[in-house]
Amino acid sequence: MGYSYGRSENGRWLLSCDNCGAVGEVRKRTCPYKVTTTEGHALPYCPAPALCGPCFAKYGGTRGVHGAECAKGAAASQARYDEERARLATGDSRVRGAWGEWQKYVPAGRVGLLFRNQDGRERHYTVTAEEYDTHGPWLSEYPDAQPWCGPDGTMFEISSGHASA
């Protein structure tokens, strides 16, 4: 979602209302329901609509703009993040990047994957294209994964932001 801007009477570009198009005295109405990501970042559940005062009141204020649907969606999203955090706590790693066989260092018929664990340690593996299409995003779901050099052709692991051979 992007925001629209219009010219005020004095020629300045100002945020315009997503509902009526009014320019000036428009605010982004941030969702009060927060979701904490796997990495620990607290984010608003939904994008903030830009509304002028009359439109904000017309929709019933914060509870009207960000009501039960936002609360329900935020709870479901938080449950998914909590599930991911719990799985990472068991020692599993999640896919954070993928490269196809078009990449110079990916063997034909395979997919190169970057996995990251709870501590931020990253490792590269390859899996068959079939496995990639049918398996989930967790390293434990790929029993035949083979260590891989990575997309730049050098074998390394990243641990806490430091590369090591």
N, C-alpha and C. Protein backbone atom coordinates (compact mmCIF):
# COMPACT_ATOMS: atom_id res chain seq x y z
N MET A 1 0.85 -1.17 0.00
CA MET A 1 0.00 0.00 0.00
C MET A 1 0.89 1.23 0.00
N GLY A 2 0.61 2.13 -0.88
CA GLY A 2 1.36 3.37 -0.93
C GLY A 2 0.48 4.51 -0.45
N TYR A 3 1.07 5.64 -0.26
CA TYR A 3 0.33 6.81 0.18
C TYR A 3 0.24 7.80 -0.95
N SER A 4 -0.86 8.56 -0.97
CA SER A 4 -1.06 9.58 -1.99
C SER A 4 -0.82 10.94 -1.37
N TYR A 5 -0.33 11.84 -2.20
CA TYR A 5 -0.07 13.20 -1.76
C TYR A 5 -0.73 14.16 -2.72
N GLY A 6 -1.12 15.30 -2.23
CA GLY A 6 -1.72 16.34 -3.05
C GLY A 6 -1.17 17.69 -2.63
N ARG A 7 -1.40 18.69 -3.45
CA ARG A 7 -0.91 20.04 -3.15
C ARG A 7 -1.92 20.78 -2.27
N SER A 8 -1.38 21.42 -1.26
CA SER A 8 -2.23 22.24 -0.39
C SER A 8 -2.47 23.59 -1.07
N GLU A 9 -3.24 24.44 -0.43
CA GLU A 9 -3.54 25.76 -0.99
C GLU A 9 -2.28 26.60 -1.18
N ASN A 10 -1.26 26.37 -0.32
CA ASN A 10 -0.02 27.15 -0.46
C ASN A 10 1.02 26.44 -1.32
N GLY A 11 0.63 25.34 -1.99
CA GLY A 11 1.50 24.66 -2.95
C GLY A 11 2.37 23.56 -2.38
N ARG A 12 2.28 23.28 -1.08
CA ARG A 12 3.09 22.22 -0.48
C ARG A 12 2.44 20.86 -0.75
N TRP A 13 3.28 19.84 -0.92
CA TRP A 13 2.77 18.48 -1.07
C TRP A 13 2.48 17.91 0.30
N LEU A 14 1.25 17.46 0.52
CA LEU A 14 0.83 16.91 1.80
C LEU A 14 0.13 15.57 1.60
N LEU A 15 0.15 14.77 2.63
CA LEU A 15 -0.53 13.48 2.63
C LEU A 15 -2.02 13.69 2.36
N SER A 16 -2.61 12.84 1.52
CA SER A 16 -4.05 12.96 1.26
C SER A 16 -4.79 11.75 1.83
N CYS A 17 -6.04 11.96 2.15
CA CYS A 17 -6.88 10.94 2.78
C CYS A 17 -7.14 9.79 1.82
N ASP A 18 -6.95 8.58 2.30
CA ASP A 18 -7.22 7.39 1.49
C ASP A 18 -8.70 7.24 1.16
N ASN A 19 -9.57 7.84 1.96
CA ASN A 19 -11.01 7.68 1.77
C ASN A 19 -11.60 8.79 0.89
N CYS A 20 -11.41 10.04 1.28
CA CYS A 20 -12.08 11.13 0.55
C CYS A 20 -11.15 11.96 -0.32
N GLY A 21 -9.84 11.78 -0.16
CA GLY A 21 -8.88 12.53 -0.97
C GLY A 21 -8.51 13.89 -0.43
N ALA A 22 -9.04 14.27 0.73
CA ALA A 22 -8.71 15.57 1.32
C ALA A 22 -7.20 15.68 1.52
N VAL A 23 -6.70 16.89 1.38
CA VAL A 23 -5.27 17.15 1.54
C VAL A 23 -5.07 18.04 2.76
N GLY A 24 -4.14 17.64 3.60
CA GLY A 24 -3.87 18.42 4.81
C GLY A 24 -4.65 17.86 5.99
N GLU A 25 -4.06 17.94 7.16
CA GLU A 25 -4.68 17.44 8.40
C GLU A 25 -5.05 15.96 8.26
N VAL A 26 -4.20 15.22 7.56
CA VAL A 26 -4.37 13.78 7.37
C VAL A 26 -3.26 13.09 8.13
N ARG A 27 -3.61 12.02 8.83
CA ARG A 27 -2.61 11.26 9.60
C ARG A 27 -2.64 9.79 9.21
N LYS A 28 -1.50 9.15 9.35
CA LYS A 28 -1.44 7.69 9.19
C LYS A 28 -1.95 7.09 10.49
N ARG A 29 -2.97 6.25 10.40
CA ARG A 29 -3.63 5.67 11.58
C ARG A 29 -3.08 4.27 11.84
N THR A 30 -2.00 4.21 12.63
CA THR A 30 -1.27 2.97 12.89
C THR A 30 -2.12 1.96 13.64
N CYS A 31 -2.03 0.72 13.21
CA CYS A 31 -2.75 -0.39 13.84
C CYS A 31 -2.24 -0.58 15.27
N PRO A 32 -3.14 -0.65 16.26
CA PRO A 32 -2.70 -0.84 17.64
C PRO A 32 -2.31 -2.28 17.96
N TYR A 33 -2.66 -3.21 17.08
CA TYR A 33 -2.35 -4.62 17.32
C TYR A 33 -0.96 -4.91 16.79
N LYS A 34 -0.08 -5.33 17.67
CA LYS A 34 1.31 -5.58 17.32
C LYS A 34 1.58 -7.07 17.20
N VAL A 35 2.52 -7.40 16.33
CA VAL A 35 2.97 -8.77 16.14
C VAL A 35 4.49 -8.76 16.32
N THR A 36 5.00 -9.65 17.16
CA THR A 36 6.44 -9.74 17.38
C THR A 36 7.00 -10.83 16.49
N THR A 37 7.90 -10.46 15.59
CA THR A 37 8.46 -11.39 14.62
C THR A 37 9.40 -12.38 15.30
N THR A 38 9.82 -13.37 14.54
CA THR A 38 10.76 -14.37 15.03
C THR A 38 12.05 -13.71 15.51
N GLU A 39 12.44 -12.62 14.85
CA GLU A 39 13.66 -11.91 15.21
C GLU A 39 13.46 -10.94 16.37
N GLY A 40 12.23 -10.82 16.88
CA GLY A 40 11.96 -9.97 18.03
C GLY A 40 11.52 -8.55 17.72
N HIS A 41 11.19 -8.26 16.47
CA HIS A 41 10.73 -6.92 16.09
C HIS A 41 9.22 -6.83 16.27
N ALA A 42 8.75 -5.83 17.02
CA ALA A 42 7.31 -5.61 17.19
C ALA A 42 6.83 -4.69 16.07
N LEU A 43 5.89 -5.18 15.28
CA LEU A 43 5.38 -4.43 14.13
C LEU A 43 3.87 -4.33 14.19
N PRO A 44 3.31 -3.24 13.66
CA PRO A 44 1.85 -3.17 13.57
C PRO A 44 1.34 -4.28 12.66
N TYR A 45 0.17 -4.83 12.96
CA TYR A 45 -0.35 -5.95 12.18
C TYR A 45 -0.65 -5.55 10.74
N CYS A 46 -1.31 -4.42 10.53
CA CYS A 46 -1.70 -4.06 9.17
C CYS A 46 -1.15 -2.68 8.79
N PRO A 47 -1.14 -2.37 7.49
CA PRO A 47 -0.66 -1.05 7.06
C PRO A 47 -1.56 0.06 7.62
N ALA A 48 -0.96 1.18 7.92
CA ALA A 48 -1.70 2.31 8.47
C ALA A 48 -2.40 3.08 7.36
N PRO A 49 -3.73 3.15 7.39
CA PRO A 49 -4.41 3.97 6.39
C PRO A 49 -4.20 5.45 6.71
N ALA A 50 -4.16 6.27 5.69
CA ALA A 50 -4.07 7.72 5.87
C ALA A 50 -5.49 8.26 5.84
N LEU A 51 -5.93 8.82 6.96
CA LEU A 51 -7.30 9.32 7.05
C LEU A 51 -7.34 10.72 7.67
N CYS A 52 -8.23 11.53 7.14
CA CYS A 52 -8.46 12.84 7.74
C CYS A 52 -9.34 12.64 8.97
N GLY A 53 -9.46 13.66 9.79
CA GLY A 53 -10.25 13.57 11.02
C GLY A 53 -11.69 13.15 10.78
N PRO A 54 -12.41 13.78 9.84
CA PRO A 54 -13.81 13.40 9.61
C PRO A 54 -13.96 11.93 9.14
N CYS A 55 -13.08 11.47 8.28
CA CYS A 55 -13.18 10.08 7.80
C CYS A 55 -12.82 9.10 8.93
N PHE A 56 -11.82 9.46 9.73
CA PHE A 56 -11.43 8.63 10.87
C PHE A 56 -12.63 8.49 11.82
N ALA A 57 -13.31 9.59 12.09
CA ALA A 57 -14.50 9.56 12.96
C ALA A 57 -15.63 8.77 12.30
N LYS A 58 -15.80 8.94 11.00
CA LYS A 58 -16.85 8.23 10.26
C LYS A 58 -16.70 6.71 10.40
N TYR A 59 -15.44 6.23 10.40
CA TYR A 59 -15.18 4.80 10.54
C TYR A 59 -15.16 4.33 11.99
N GLY A 60 -15.36 5.24 12.93
CA GLY A 60 -15.43 4.83 14.33
C GLY A 60 -14.12 4.90 15.08
N GLY A 61 -13.21 5.74 14.63
CA GLY A 61 -11.93 5.88 15.32
C GLY A 61 -11.08 4.63 15.20
N THR A 62 -10.15 4.48 16.13
CA THR A 62 -9.21 3.36 16.06
C THR A 62 -9.92 2.02 16.09
N ARG A 63 -10.92 1.88 16.95
CA ARG A 63 -11.64 0.60 17.06
C ARG A 63 -12.41 0.27 15.78
N GLY A 64 -12.83 1.28 15.06
CA GLY A 64 -13.55 1.04 13.82
C GLY A 64 -12.61 0.74 12.66
N VAL A 65 -11.50 1.48 12.60
CA VAL A 65 -10.54 1.29 11.52
C VAL A 65 -9.77 -0.01 11.72
N HIS A 66 -9.37 -0.27 12.96
CA HIS A 66 -8.59 -1.47 13.30
C HIS A 66 -9.38 -2.26 14.34
N GLY A 67 -10.42 -2.92 13.92
CA GLY A 67 -11.30 -3.62 14.86
C GLY A 67 -11.01 -5.09 15.00
N ALA A 68 -12.09 -5.85 15.07
CA ALA A 68 -12.01 -7.28 15.34
C ALA A 68 -11.20 -8.04 14.30
N GLU A 69 -11.28 -7.62 13.04
CA GLU A 69 -10.52 -8.31 11.99
C GLU A 69 -9.02 -8.17 12.21
N CYS A 70 -8.59 -6.99 12.61
CA CYS A 70 -7.17 -6.79 12.89
C CYS A 70 -6.75 -7.61 14.11
N ALA A 71 -7.59 -7.62 15.13
CA ALA A 71 -7.28 -8.38 16.35
C ALA A 71 -7.15 -9.87 16.03
N LYS A 72 -8.09 -10.39 15.24
CA LYS A 72 -8.05 -11.79 14.88
C LYS A 72 -6.85 -12.11 13.98
N GLY A 73 -6.59 -11.26 13.01
CA GLY A 73 -5.45 -11.46 12.12
C GLY A 73 -4.13 -11.38 12.85
N ALA A 74 -4.02 -10.42 13.78
CA ALA A 74 -2.78 -10.28 14.56
C ALA A 74 -2.55 -11.50 15.43
N ALA A 75 -3.61 -12.03 16.03
CA ALA A 75 -3.47 -13.22 16.88
C ALA A 75 -3.02 -14.42 16.05
N ALA A 76 -3.57 -14.60 14.87
CA ALA A 76 -3.18 -15.71 14.00
C ALA A 76 -1.74 -15.54 13.53
N SER A 77 -1.37 -14.33 13.16
CA SER A 77 -0.01 -14.07 12.72
C SER A 77 0.98 -14.30 13.86
N GLN A 78 0.63 -13.85 15.05
CA GLN A 78 1.51 -14.04 16.21
C GLN A 78 1.69 -15.52 16.51
N ALA A 79 0.62 -16.30 16.36
CA ALA A 79 0.70 -17.75 16.60
C ALA A 79 1.70 -18.39 15.63
N ARG A 80 1.71 -17.95 14.37
CA ARG A 80 2.66 -18.49 13.39
C ARG A 80 4.10 -18.12 13.77
N TYR A 81 4.31 -16.88 14.19
CA TYR A 81 5.66 -16.47 14.62
C TYR A 81 6.09 -17.25 15.87
N ASP A 82 5.17 -17.45 16.80
CA ASP A 82 5.50 -18.19 18.02
C ASP A 82 5.86 -19.63 17.70
N GLU A 83 5.12 -20.23 16.75
CA GLU A 83 5.40 -21.60 16.32
C GLU A 83 6.79 -21.69 15.68
N GLU A 84 7.11 -20.71 14.86
CA GLU A 84 8.43 -20.68 14.22
C GLU A 84 9.52 -20.52 15.27
N ARG A 85 9.31 -19.62 16.23
CA ARG A 85 10.31 -19.40 17.28
C ARG A 85 10.53 -20.67 18.09
N ALA A 86 9.46 -21.40 18.39
CA ALA A 86 9.56 -22.65 19.15
C ALA A 86 10.34 -23.70 18.34
N ARG A 87 10.07 -23.77 17.05
CA ARG A 87 10.77 -24.75 16.21
C ARG A 87 12.26 -24.41 16.12
N LEU A 88 12.58 -23.14 16.00
CA LEU A 88 13.98 -22.72 15.97
C LEU A 88 14.66 -23.06 17.30
N ALA A 89 13.93 -22.96 18.40
CA ALA A 89 14.49 -23.27 19.72
C ALA A 89 14.88 -24.74 19.85
N THR A 90 14.29 -25.60 19.03
CA THR A 90 14.63 -27.03 19.06
C THR A 90 15.94 -27.31 18.32
N GLY A 91 16.47 -26.29 17.63
CA GLY A 91 17.72 -26.47 16.89
C GLY A 91 17.55 -26.54 15.39
N ASP A 92 16.31 -26.51 14.92
CA ASP A 92 16.06 -26.57 13.48
C ASP A 92 16.45 -25.23 12.84
N SER A 93 16.59 -25.21 11.52
CA SER A 93 16.93 -24.01 10.76
C SER A 93 15.88 -23.80 9.68
N ARG A 94 15.62 -22.53 9.35
CA ARG A 94 14.59 -22.19 8.37
C ARG A 94 15.23 -21.63 7.10
N VAL A 95 14.59 -21.92 5.97
CA VAL A 95 15.06 -21.40 4.68
C VAL A 95 14.94 -19.88 4.69
N ARG A 96 16.00 -19.20 4.26
CA ARG A 96 16.00 -17.73 4.17
C ARG A 96 16.37 -17.25 2.77
N GLY A 97 16.75 -18.17 1.90
CA GLY A 97 17.09 -17.80 0.53
C GLY A 97 17.18 -19.04 -0.33
N ALA A 98 16.93 -18.89 -1.63
CA ALA A 98 17.00 -20.03 -2.55
C ALA A 98 17.53 -19.57 -3.90
N TRP A 99 18.29 -20.46 -4.55
CA TRP A 99 18.86 -20.20 -5.87
C TRP A 99 18.59 -21.41 -6.76
N GLY A 100 18.21 -21.17 -7.99
CA GLY A 100 17.96 -22.24 -8.94
C GLY A 100 19.22 -22.66 -9.67
N GLU A 101 19.08 -23.66 -10.53
CA GLU A 101 20.24 -24.18 -11.26
C GLU A 101 20.81 -23.16 -12.25
N TRP A 102 20.10 -22.09 -12.49
CA TRP A 102 20.62 -21.01 -13.32
C TRP A 102 21.80 -20.31 -12.67
N GLN A 103 21.88 -20.41 -11.32
CA GLN A 103 23.01 -19.81 -10.59
C GLN A 103 24.27 -20.62 -10.89
N LYS A 104 25.35 -19.96 -11.15
CA LYS A 104 26.60 -20.59 -11.58
C LYS A 104 27.02 -21.77 -10.72
N TYR A 105 26.92 -21.69 -9.42
CA TYR A 105 27.44 -22.74 -8.54
C TYR A 105 26.38 -23.74 -8.06
N VAL A 106 25.17 -23.69 -8.59
CA VAL A 106 24.14 -24.67 -8.22
C VAL A 106 24.17 -25.81 -9.24
N PRO A 107 24.36 -27.05 -8.77
CA PRO A 107 24.38 -28.19 -9.70
C PRO A 107 23.04 -28.35 -10.43
N ALA A 108 23.11 -28.87 -11.66
CA ALA A 108 21.91 -29.09 -12.47
C ALA A 108 20.92 -29.99 -11.72
N GLY A 109 19.64 -29.62 -11.77
CA GLY A 109 18.58 -30.41 -11.15
C GLY A 109 18.46 -30.18 -9.65
N ARG A 110 19.22 -29.23 -9.12
CA ARG A 110 19.20 -28.99 -7.67
C ARG A 110 18.84 -27.53 -7.39
N VAL A 111 18.52 -27.26 -6.14
CA VAL A 111 18.21 -25.92 -5.67
C VAL A 111 19.16 -25.62 -4.51
N GLY A 112 19.80 -24.49 -4.54
CA GLY A 112 20.67 -24.08 -3.44
C GLY A 112 19.84 -23.33 -2.40
N LEU A 113 20.00 -23.71 -1.13
CA LEU A 113 19.21 -23.10 -0.06
C LEU A 113 20.11 -22.52 1.02
N LEU A 114 19.71 -21.41 1.55
CA LEU A 114 20.35 -20.79 2.70
C LEU A 114 19.43 -21.01 3.90
N PHE A 115 19.96 -21.63 4.95
CA PHE A 115 19.20 -21.87 6.17
C PHE A 115 19.78 -21.03 7.30
N ARG A 116 18.92 -20.51 8.18
CA ARG A 116 19.36 -19.75 9.35
C ARG A 116 18.75 -20.35 10.60
N ASN A 117 19.58 -20.51 11.65
CA ASN A 117 19.06 -21.05 12.90
C ASN A 117 18.72 -19.92 13.88
N GLN A 118 18.34 -20.28 15.09
CA GLN A 118 17.90 -19.31 16.09
C GLN A 118 19.00 -18.32 16.46
N ASP A 119 20.24 -18.76 16.43
CA ASP A 119 21.37 -17.90 16.81
C ASP A 119 21.84 -17.01 15.65
N GLY A 120 21.19 -17.12 14.49
CA GLY A 120 21.58 -16.34 13.34
C GLY A 120 22.65 -16.99 12.48
N ARG A 121 23.06 -18.21 12.84
CA ARG A 121 24.07 -18.92 12.05
C ARG A 121 23.44 -19.38 10.74
N GLU A 122 24.13 -19.15 9.66
CA GLU A 122 23.61 -19.49 8.33
C GLU A 122 24.46 -20.57 7.70
N ARG A 123 23.80 -21.52 7.01
CA ARG A 123 24.48 -22.60 6.30
C ARG A 123 23.80 -22.80 4.95
N HIS A 124 24.59 -23.23 3.97
CA HIS A 124 24.09 -23.48 2.62
C HIS A 124 24.02 -24.99 2.36
N TYR A 125 22.94 -25.40 1.70
CA TYR A 125 22.76 -26.79 1.27
C TYR A 125 22.10 -26.79 -0.09
N THR A 126 22.24 -27.93 -0.80
CA THR A 126 21.44 -28.13 -2.01
C THR A 126 20.50 -29.29 -1.78
N VAL A 127 19.36 -29.22 -2.45
CA VAL A 127 18.36 -30.29 -2.43
C VAL A 127 17.89 -30.48 -3.86
N THR A 128 17.25 -31.60 -4.14
CA THR A 128 16.74 -31.79 -5.50
C THR A 128 15.59 -30.82 -5.74
N ALA A 129 15.37 -30.50 -7.00
CA ALA A 129 14.27 -29.59 -7.35
C ALA A 129 12.94 -30.19 -6.91
N GLU A 130 12.80 -31.52 -7.02
CA GLU A 130 11.57 -32.20 -6.56
C GLU A 130 11.35 -31.98 -5.08
N GLU A 131 12.40 -32.19 -4.28
CA GLU A 131 12.28 -32.00 -2.83
C GLU A 131 11.87 -30.56 -2.51
N TYR A 132 12.49 -29.62 -3.19
CA TYR A 132 12.19 -28.21 -2.92
C TYR A 132 10.72 -27.91 -3.19
N ASP A 133 10.17 -28.52 -4.25
CA ASP A 133 8.77 -28.28 -4.61
C ASP A 133 7.79 -28.94 -3.65
N THR A 134 8.20 -29.98 -2.94
CA THR A 134 7.26 -30.75 -2.12
C THR A 134 7.51 -30.66 -0.61
N HIS A 135 8.64 -30.14 -0.20
CA HIS A 135 8.96 -30.08 1.23
C HIS A 135 8.72 -28.68 1.78
N GLY A 136 8.72 -28.57 3.08
CA GLY A 136 8.51 -27.29 3.75
C GLY A 136 9.78 -26.48 3.88
N PRO A 137 9.74 -25.45 4.73
CA PRO A 137 10.87 -24.53 4.83
C PRO A 137 11.91 -24.87 5.90
N TRP A 138 11.89 -26.09 6.44
CA TRP A 138 12.78 -26.43 7.55
C TRP A 138 13.86 -27.41 7.13
N LEU A 139 15.08 -27.21 7.61
CA LEU A 139 16.20 -28.09 7.28
C LEU A 139 15.90 -29.54 7.65
N SER A 140 15.23 -29.77 8.77
CA SER A 140 14.91 -31.13 9.19
C SER A 140 14.00 -31.86 8.20
N GLU A 141 13.35 -31.14 7.32
CA GLU A 141 12.48 -31.75 6.32
C GLU A 141 13.24 -32.20 5.07
N TYR A 142 14.54 -31.97 5.05
CA TYR A 142 15.38 -32.34 3.91
C TYR A 142 16.48 -33.29 4.39
N PRO A 143 16.17 -34.57 4.61
CA PRO A 143 17.18 -35.49 5.13
C PRO A 143 18.35 -35.72 4.17
N ASP A 144 18.14 -35.48 2.88
CA ASP A 144 19.20 -35.72 1.90
C ASP A 144 19.89 -34.44 1.44
N ALA A 145 19.72 -33.36 2.20
CA ALA A 145 20.37 -32.10 1.84
C ALA A 145 21.88 -32.27 1.88
N GLN A 146 22.54 -31.69 0.89
CA GLN A 146 23.99 -31.78 0.80
C GLN A 146 24.62 -30.41 1.03
N PRO A 147 25.68 -30.33 1.83
CA PRO A 147 26.35 -29.05 2.03
C PRO A 147 26.72 -28.44 0.69
N TRP A 148 26.63 -27.14 0.60
CA TRP A 148 26.84 -26.43 -0.65
C TRP A 148 27.76 -25.24 -0.41
N CYS A 149 28.48 -24.84 -1.44
CA CYS A 149 29.42 -23.73 -1.33
C CYS A 149 28.74 -22.38 -1.21
N GLY A 150 27.49 -22.27 -1.60
CA GLY A 150 26.80 -20.98 -1.57
C GLY A 150 26.82 -20.33 -2.94
N PRO A 151 26.06 -19.26 -3.12
CA PRO A 151 25.91 -18.66 -4.44
C PRO A 151 27.18 -18.02 -4.99
N ASP A 152 28.15 -17.72 -4.12
CA ASP A 152 29.37 -17.10 -4.63
C ASP A 152 30.51 -18.09 -4.83
N GLY A 153 30.26 -19.38 -4.55
CA GLY A 153 31.24 -20.41 -4.82
C GLY A 153 32.27 -20.66 -3.74
N THR A 154 32.13 -20.02 -2.58
CA THR A 154 33.06 -20.25 -1.48
C THR A 154 32.31 -20.84 -0.29
N MET A 155 32.79 -21.95 0.22
CA MET A 155 32.14 -22.61 1.36
C MET A 155 32.36 -21.76 2.60
N PHE A 156 31.28 -21.35 3.24
CA PHE A 156 31.44 -20.60 4.49
C PHE A 156 30.16 -20.71 5.31
N GLU A 157 30.32 -20.41 6.56
CA GLU A 157 29.19 -20.28 7.47
C GLU A 157 29.25 -18.88 8.04
N ILE A 158 28.12 -18.30 8.28
CA ILE A 158 28.08 -16.99 8.92
C ILE A 158 27.55 -17.21 10.32
N SER A 159 28.31 -16.80 11.30
CA SER A 159 27.91 -16.93 12.69
C SER A 159 28.03 -15.56 13.33
N SER A 160 26.92 -15.01 13.76
CA SER A 160 26.91 -13.70 14.39
C SER A 160 27.53 -12.63 13.50
N GLY A 161 27.31 -12.74 12.19
CA GLY A 161 27.77 -11.73 11.27
C GLY A 161 29.22 -11.85 10.82
N HIS A 162 29.92 -12.91 11.23
CA HIS A 162 31.31 -13.09 10.82
C HIS A 162 31.44 -14.31 9.94
N ALA A 163 32.02 -14.16 8.78
CA ALA A 163 32.21 -15.29 7.86
C ALA A 163 33.43 -16.09 8.29
N SER A 164 33.31 -17.43 8.14
CA SER A 164 34.45 -18.29 8.45
C SER A 164 34.54 -19.38 7.41
N ALA A 165 35.74 -19.77 7.07
CA ALA A 165 35.95 -20.80 6.04
C ALA A 165 35.84 -22.18 6.64
